[in-house]
C-alpha atoms as a PDB file:
ATOM      1  CA  UNK A   1     -13.178 -18.021 -17.467  1.00  0.00           C
ATOM      2  CA  UNK A   2     -14.972 -14.207 -18.354  1.00  0.00           C
ATOM      3  CA  UNK A   3     -15.141 -11.539 -20.817  1.00  0.00           C
ATOM      4  CA  UNK A   4     -15.703  -7.620 -20.209  1.00  0.00           C
ATOM      5  CA  UNK A   5     -15.834  -4.738 -21.870  1.00  0.00           C
ATOM      6  CA  UNK A   6     -14.233  -2.043 -20.292  1.00  0.00           C
ATOM      7  CA  UNK A   7     -11.401   0.809 -20.497  1.00  0.00           C
ATOM      8  CA  UNK A   8      -7.761   1.221 -19.603  1.00  0.00           C
ATOM      9  CA  UNK A   9      -5.015   4.237 -19.549  1.00  0.00           C
ATOM     10  CA  UNK A  10      -1.979   4.311 -17.643  1.00  0.00           C
ATOM     11  CA  UNK A  11      -2.109   5.839 -13.517  1.00  0.00           C
ATOM     12  CA  UNK A  12      -1.700   8.932 -14.351  1.00  0.00           C
ATOM     13  CA  UNK A  13      -4.006  12.544 -13.763  1.00  0.00           C
ATOM     14  CA  UNK A  14      -4.554  12.944 -17.293  1.00  0.00           C
ATOM     15  CA  UNK A  15      -4.149   9.949 -19.304  1.00  0.00           C
ATOM     16  CA  UNK A  16      -6.396   9.024 -22.378  1.00  0.00           C
ATOM     17  CA  UNK A  17      -8.797   5.688 -21.704  1.00  0.00           C
ATOM     18  CA  UNK A  18      -8.365   3.281 -24.236  1.00  0.00           C
ATOM     19  CA  UNK A  19     -11.767   1.234 -25.483  1.00  0.00           C
ATOM     20  CA  UNK A  20     -10.519  -2.092 -24.317  1.00  0.00           C
ATOM     21  CA  UNK A  21     -11.946  -5.912 -24.069  1.00  0.00           C
ATOM     22  CA  UNK A  22     -10.278  -7.725 -20.906  1.00  0.00           C
ATOM     23  CA  UNK A  23      -9.735 -11.641 -21.299  1.00  0.00           C
ATOM     24  CA  UNK A  24      -9.357 -14.043 -18.962  1.00  0.00           C
ATOM     25  CA  UNK A  25      -7.771 -17.596 -19.891  1.00  0.00           C
ATOM     26  CA  UNK A  26      -5.502 -20.695 -18.912  1.00  0.00           C
ATOM     27  CA  UNK A  27      -4.593 -18.029 -16.099  1.00  0.00           C
ATOM     28  CA  UNK A  28      -3.264 -15.317 -19.094  1.00  0.00           C
ATOM     29  CA  UNK A  29      -4.668 -11.404 -18.326  1.00  0.00           C
ATOM     30  CA  UNK A  30      -5.056 -10.769 -22.274  1.00  0.00           C
ATOM     31  CA  UNK A  31      -6.282  -6.777 -23.185  1.00  0.00           C
ATOM     32  CA  UNK A  32      -8.337  -5.775 -27.050  1.00  0.00           C
ATOM     33  CA  UNK A  33      -8.769  -3.139 -28.789  1.00  0.00           C
ATOM     34  CA  UNK A  34     -10.620  -3.862 -31.283  1.00  0.00           C
ATOM     35  CA  UNK A  35      -8.518  -6.921 -33.207  1.00  0.00           C
ATOM     36  CA  UNK A  36      -4.792  -5.221 -32.098  1.00  0.00           C
ATOM     37  CA  UNK A  37      -3.689  -7.528 -28.212  1.00  0.00           C
ATOM     38  CA  UNK A  38      -1.143  -5.138 -26.191  1.00  0.00           C
ATOM     39  CA  UNK A  39      -1.407  -6.822 -23.171  1.00  0.00           C
ATOM     40  CA  UNK A  40      -0.935 -10.724 -23.135  1.00  0.00           C
ATOM     41  CA  UNK A  41       0.124 -11.243 -19.190  1.00  0.00           C
ATOM     42  CA  UNK A  42       0.408 -14.325 -16.828  1.00  0.00           C
ATOM     43  CA  UNK A  43      -1.649 -13.239 -13.626  1.00  0.00           C
ATOM     44  CA  UNK A  44       1.089 -14.381 -11.890  1.00  0.00           C
ATOM     45  CA  UNK A  45       3.151 -12.080 -13.147  1.00  0.00           C
ATOM     46  CA  UNK A  46       0.958  -9.546 -12.658  1.00  0.00           C
ATOM     47  CA  UNK A  47       0.031  -7.557  -8.898  1.00  0.00           C
ATOM     48  CA  UNK A  48      -3.191  -6.225  -9.390  1.00  0.00           C
ATOM     49  CA  UNK A  49      -5.001  -4.339  -6.788  1.00  0.00           C
ATOM     50  CA  UNK A  50      -8.583  -3.259  -6.995  1.00  0.00           C
ATOM     51  CA  UNK A  51      -9.225   0.516  -6.223  1.00  0.00           C
ATOM     52  CA  UNK A  52     -12.299   2.770  -6.804  1.00  0.00           C
ATOM     53  CA  UNK A  53     -11.746   3.608  -9.798  1.00  0.00           C
ATOM     54  CA  UNK A  54     -10.617  -0.259 -11.180  1.00  0.00           C
ATOM     55  CA  UNK A  55      -7.899  -2.661 -11.340  1.00  0.00           C
ATOM     56  CA  UNK A  56      -4.113  -1.341 -11.019  1.00  0.00           C
ATOM     57  CA  UNK A  57      -2.115  -3.546 -12.678  1.00  0.00           C
ATOM     58  CA  UNK A  58       1.662  -2.924 -11.821  1.00  0.00           C
ATOM     59  CA  UNK A  59       3.249  -4.277 -15.348  1.00  0.00           C
ATOM     60  CA  UNK A  60       6.807  -4.836 -16.412  1.00  0.00           C
ATOM     61  CA  UNK A  61       7.825  -1.529 -14.420  1.00  0.00           C
ATOM     62  CA  UNK A  62       4.667   0.490 -15.130  1.00  0.00           C
ATOM     63  CA  UNK A  63       0.923   1.235 -13.857  1.00  0.00           C
ATOM     64  CA  UNK A  64      -2.490   0.452 -15.631  1.00  0.00           C
ATOM     65  CA  UNK A  65      -5.482   1.342 -14.454  1.00  0.00           C
ATOM     66  CA  UNK A  66      -8.220  -1.268 -15.923  1.00  0.00           C
ATOM     67  CA  UNK A  67     -12.323  -0.373 -14.934  1.00  0.00           C
ATOM     68  CA  UNK A  68     -14.863  -3.204 -17.099  1.00  0.00           C
ATOM     69  CA  UNK A  69     -18.270  -2.630 -16.767  1.00  0.00           C
ATOM     70  CA  UNK A  70     -18.320  -5.590 -14.789  1.00  0.00           C
ATOM     71  CA  UNK A  71     -15.821  -4.847 -12.133  1.00  0.00           C
ATOM     72  CA  UNK A  72     -17.203  -7.237  -8.879  1.00  0.00           C
ATOM     73  CA  UNK A  73     -17.199 -10.209 -11.572  1.00  0.00           C
ATOM     74  CA  UNK A  74     -13.328  -9.667 -12.670  1.00  0.00           C
ATOM     75  CA  UNK A  75     -12.015  -9.199  -8.852  1.00  0.00           C
ATOM     76  CA  UNK A  76     -14.366 -12.445  -8.004  1.00  0.00           C
ATOM     77  CA  UNK A  77     -12.936 -14.013 -11.399  1.00  0.00           C
ATOM     78  CA  UNK A  78      -9.283 -13.537 -10.268  1.00  0.00           C
ATOM     79  CA  UNK A  79      -9.167 -14.292  -6.841  1.00  0.00           C
ATOM     80  CA  UNK A  80      -8.785 -10.802  -6.044  1.00  0.00           C
ATOM     81  CA  UNK A  81      -8.008 -10.113  -2.346  1.00  0.00           C
ATOM     82  CA  UNK A  82      -6.031  -6.766  -1.896  1.00  0.00           C
ATOM     83  CA  UNK A  83      -8.939  -4.855  -2.461  1.00  0.00           C
ATOM     84  CA  UNK A  84     -11.136  -1.619  -1.230  1.00  0.00           C
ATOM     85  CA  UNK A  85     -13.521  -1.522   0.838  1.00  0.00           C
ATOM     86  CA  UNK A  86     -15.751  -0.409  -1.273  1.00  0.00           C
ATOM     87  CA  UNK A  87     -14.930  -3.280  -3.835  1.00  0.00           C
ATOM     88  CA  UNK A  88     -14.766  -5.876  -1.107  1.00  0.00           C
ATOM     89  CA  UNK A  89     -18.214  -5.177   0.416  1.00  0.00           C
ATOM     90  CA  UNK A  90     -19.218  -5.010  -3.271  1.00  0.00           C
ATOM     91  CA  UNK A  91     -17.520  -9.407  -3.981  1.00  0.00           C
ATOM     92  CA  UNK A  92     -19.548 -10.004  -0.830  1.00  0.00           C
ATOM     93  CA  UNK A  93     -23.294  -9.033  -1.439  1.00  0.00           C
ATOM     94  CA  UNK A  94     -22.145 -10.772  -4.737  1.00  0.00           C
ATOM     95  CA  UNK A  95     -21.134 -14.116  -3.697  1.00  0.00           C
ATOM     96  CA  UNK A  96     -24.478 -14.187  -1.272  1.00  0.00           C
END
């Protein structure tokens, strides 16, 4: 599975973003900042929606937004079905 450099922020207009590494391993999504794991979730327990500003993850009653250096690759690897029209077009182009 893949690793993606990116950022994570709370779903608020004034929220600052953290630089993170997103790692998909064994049906889990891990989010690291430096050497610290700040998120470790089974994919089955996440609600993930692909939007133009990144992936909106509903986790433990909170929503965070993750953007990566390859949103299309991450969306394809996740098998994402809920995505913005723009992201869906980019995913279709990559599949060809």
